[in-house]
Amino acid sequence: MSNILNLDKILLLFCGEDIFTDLNNDNYNQTVDVRSSEEFNSTTLLQHNVPVINIAQHQLLHKHLYLAGIIVFYGLFKNRQFIKRKLLEISNNKKLRILIGCSQGRLRSPAVWLYARFLGIDAKILQYGIKHYVE
């Protein structure tokens, strides 16, 4: 059994598969990368970067996978005003649909997807994450 929280599997169980999509979905043409700025700059696949956690927190997450959920939700809570402002800006105040992605689509992007849905933004999660498209 893995020590990491797979929020994608939990959301799939409660919400169904329609919360995930791939890069070819033309209905979601605004794309948001929620990885750290450093990760975004090293592999730019999506249009906008709205980091949930910084690189130091990301490295801590990898050293202590059992704390991954806490670290990500702490980052989301701590940065919620910035993330809210950016998501509303990118979605043109909820008029545009957005696609949210992270490395593997298991924790950071599902967490931000939940927040986007709470804000009333039509969003989907990039299935399998960014690594799937660049490897």
Protein backbone atom coordinates (compact mmCIF):
# COMPACT_ATOMS: atom_id res chain seq x y z
CA MET A 1 0.00 0.00 0.00
CA SER A 2 1.33 3.43 -0.95
CA ASN A 3 1.98 6.12 1.65
CA ILE A 4 0.93 8.92 -0.70
CA LEU A 5 -2.54 10.36 -0.91
CA ASN A 6 -3.91 9.75 -4.40
CA LEU A 7 -6.59 12.39 -4.47
CA ASP A 8 -7.29 11.54 -8.12
CA LYS A 9 -8.54 8.08 -7.12
CA ILE A 10 -10.73 9.50 -4.35
CA LEU A 11 -12.27 12.08 -6.71
CA LEU A 12 -12.79 9.44 -9.36
CA LEU A 13 -14.70 7.36 -6.84
CA PHE A 14 -16.98 10.23 -5.81
CA CYS A 15 -17.22 12.30 -9.01
CA GLY A 16 -16.74 9.88 -11.89
CA GLU A 17 -14.37 9.90 -14.83
CA ASP A 18 -15.76 13.05 -16.40
CA ILE A 19 -13.50 15.21 -14.21
CA PHE A 20 -10.46 14.12 -16.25
CA THR A 21 -9.58 14.94 -19.83
CA ASP A 22 -6.56 15.02 -22.11
CA LEU A 23 -4.77 17.87 -23.85
CA ASN A 24 -6.77 17.36 -27.04
CA ASN A 25 -10.05 18.51 -25.48
CA ASP A 26 -10.79 21.76 -27.35
CA ASN A 27 -13.50 22.71 -24.84
CA TYR A 28 -10.77 23.45 -22.29
CA ASN A 29 -8.40 25.77 -24.12
CA GLN A 30 -7.14 27.67 -21.06
CA THR A 31 -4.51 25.47 -19.40
CA VAL A 32 -3.06 25.87 -15.91
CA ASP A 33 0.09 24.22 -14.59
CA VAL A 34 0.00 24.06 -10.78
CA ARG A 35 3.55 22.76 -10.34
CA SER A 36 6.26 24.97 -8.84
CA SER A 37 7.67 27.80 -10.96
CA GLU A 38 10.92 25.86 -11.39
CA GLU A 39 9.11 22.77 -12.67
CA PHE A 40 7.01 24.92 -15.01
CA ASN A 41 10.08 26.67 -16.43
CA SER A 42 11.90 23.38 -17.01
CA THR A 43 8.98 21.81 -18.92
CA THR A 44 6.44 24.27 -20.24
CA LEU A 45 3.48 22.38 -21.67
CA LEU A 46 0.54 24.38 -20.33
CA GLN A 47 -0.13 28.12 -20.75
CA HIS A 48 -0.29 29.50 -17.22
CA ASN A 49 1.63 28.73 -14.04
CA VAL A 50 -0.27 28.96 -10.74
CA PRO A 51 1.97 27.12 -8.27
CA VAL A 52 0.35 25.53 -5.24
CA ILE A 53 3.66 24.88 -3.47
CA ASN A 54 7.20 26.14 -4.02
CA ILE A 55 10.21 24.02 -4.94
CA ALA A 56 11.38 23.64 -1.31
CA GLN A 57 7.95 22.33 -0.31
CA HIS A 58 7.95 20.03 -3.36
CA GLN A 59 11.32 18.59 -2.34
CA LEU A 60 10.05 18.10 1.21
CA LEU A 61 7.01 16.32 -0.20
CA HIS A 62 9.25 13.85 -2.05
CA LYS A 63 11.31 13.14 1.06
CA HIS A 64 8.18 12.54 3.16
CA LEU A 65 5.48 11.15 0.88
CA TYR A 66 3.23 10.36 3.82
CA LEU A 67 2.93 14.15 4.34
CA ALA A 68 2.15 14.93 0.68
CA GLY A 69 -1.53 15.66 1.20
CA ILE A 70 -0.85 17.91 4.18
CA ILE A 71 1.87 19.81 2.30
CA VAL A 72 -0.31 20.38 -0.76
CA PHE A 73 -3.40 21.40 1.18
CA TYR A 74 -1.28 23.70 3.37
CA GLY A 75 0.08 25.33 0.19
CA LEU A 76 -3.42 25.66 -1.22
CA PHE A 77 -4.69 27.22 2.00
CA LYS A 78 -1.70 29.53 2.39
CA ASN A 79 -1.84 30.71 -1.25
CA ARG A 80 -5.64 30.62 -1.66
CA GLN A 81 -6.05 34.34 -2.39
CA PHE A 82 -3.34 34.31 -5.07
CA ILE A 83 -4.70 31.08 -6.57
CA LYS A 84 -8.26 32.43 -6.53
CA ARG A 85 -7.22 35.66 -8.25
CA LYS A 86 -5.24 33.81 -10.93
CA LEU A 87 -7.95 31.19 -11.61
CA LEU A 88 -10.62 33.87 -11.95
CA GLU A 89 -8.33 35.89 -14.24
CA ILE A 90 -7.46 32.89 -16.44
CA SER A 91 -11.10 31.79 -16.63
CA ASN A 92 -12.16 35.35 -17.48
CA ASN A 93 -14.28 35.50 -14.32
CA LYS A 94 -15.73 31.98 -14.81
CA LYS A 95 -16.59 32.45 -18.50
CA LEU A 96 -13.86 30.17 -19.87
CA ARG A 97 -13.23 26.53 -19.07
CA ILE A 98 -9.82 25.58 -17.73
CA LEU A 99 -7.70 22.45 -17.75
CA ILE A 100 -5.55 21.99 -14.64
CA GLY A 101 -2.41 19.86 -14.66
CA CYS A 102 0.49 18.85 -12.44
CA SER A 103 3.28 16.29 -12.77
CA GLN A 104 1.20 13.13 -12.54
CA GLY A 105 -2.34 14.36 -11.93
CA ARG A 106 -2.63 12.69 -8.56
CA LEU A 107 -2.56 15.42 -5.93
CA ARG A 108 -1.80 19.04 -6.82
CA SER A 109 -4.09 19.37 -9.84
CA PRO A 110 -7.01 17.51 -8.16
CA ALA A 111 -6.64 19.80 -5.11
CA VAL A 112 -6.75 22.93 -7.28
CA TRP A 113 -9.61 21.43 -9.32
CA LEU A 114 -11.64 21.11 -6.11
CA TYR A 115 -10.90 24.76 -5.31
CA ALA A 116 -11.78 25.88 -8.86
CA ARG A 117 -15.10 24.03 -8.66
CA PHE A 118 -15.74 25.66 -5.26
CA LEU A 119 -15.19 29.03 -6.97
CA GLY A 120 -17.70 28.06 -9.69
CA ILE A 121 -15.15 27.62 -12.48
CA ASP A 122 -15.77 24.91 -15.08
CA ALA A 123 -12.56 22.89 -14.95
CA LYS A 124 -11.12 19.48 -15.65
CA ILE A 125 -7.95 17.70 -14.55
CA LEU A 126 -5.27 16.74 -17.06
CA GLN A 127 -5.42 12.95 -17.03
CA TYR A 128 -2.11 11.24 -16.15
CA GLY A 129 -0.39 14.62 -15.67
CA ILE A 130 2.20 16.57 -17.61
CA LYS A 131 4.89 13.87 -17.44
CA HIS A 132 2.65 11.64 -19.57
CA TYR A 133 2.86 14.14 -22.45
CA VAL A 134 6.56 14.97 -22.30
CA GLU A 135 8.06 11.50 -21.84
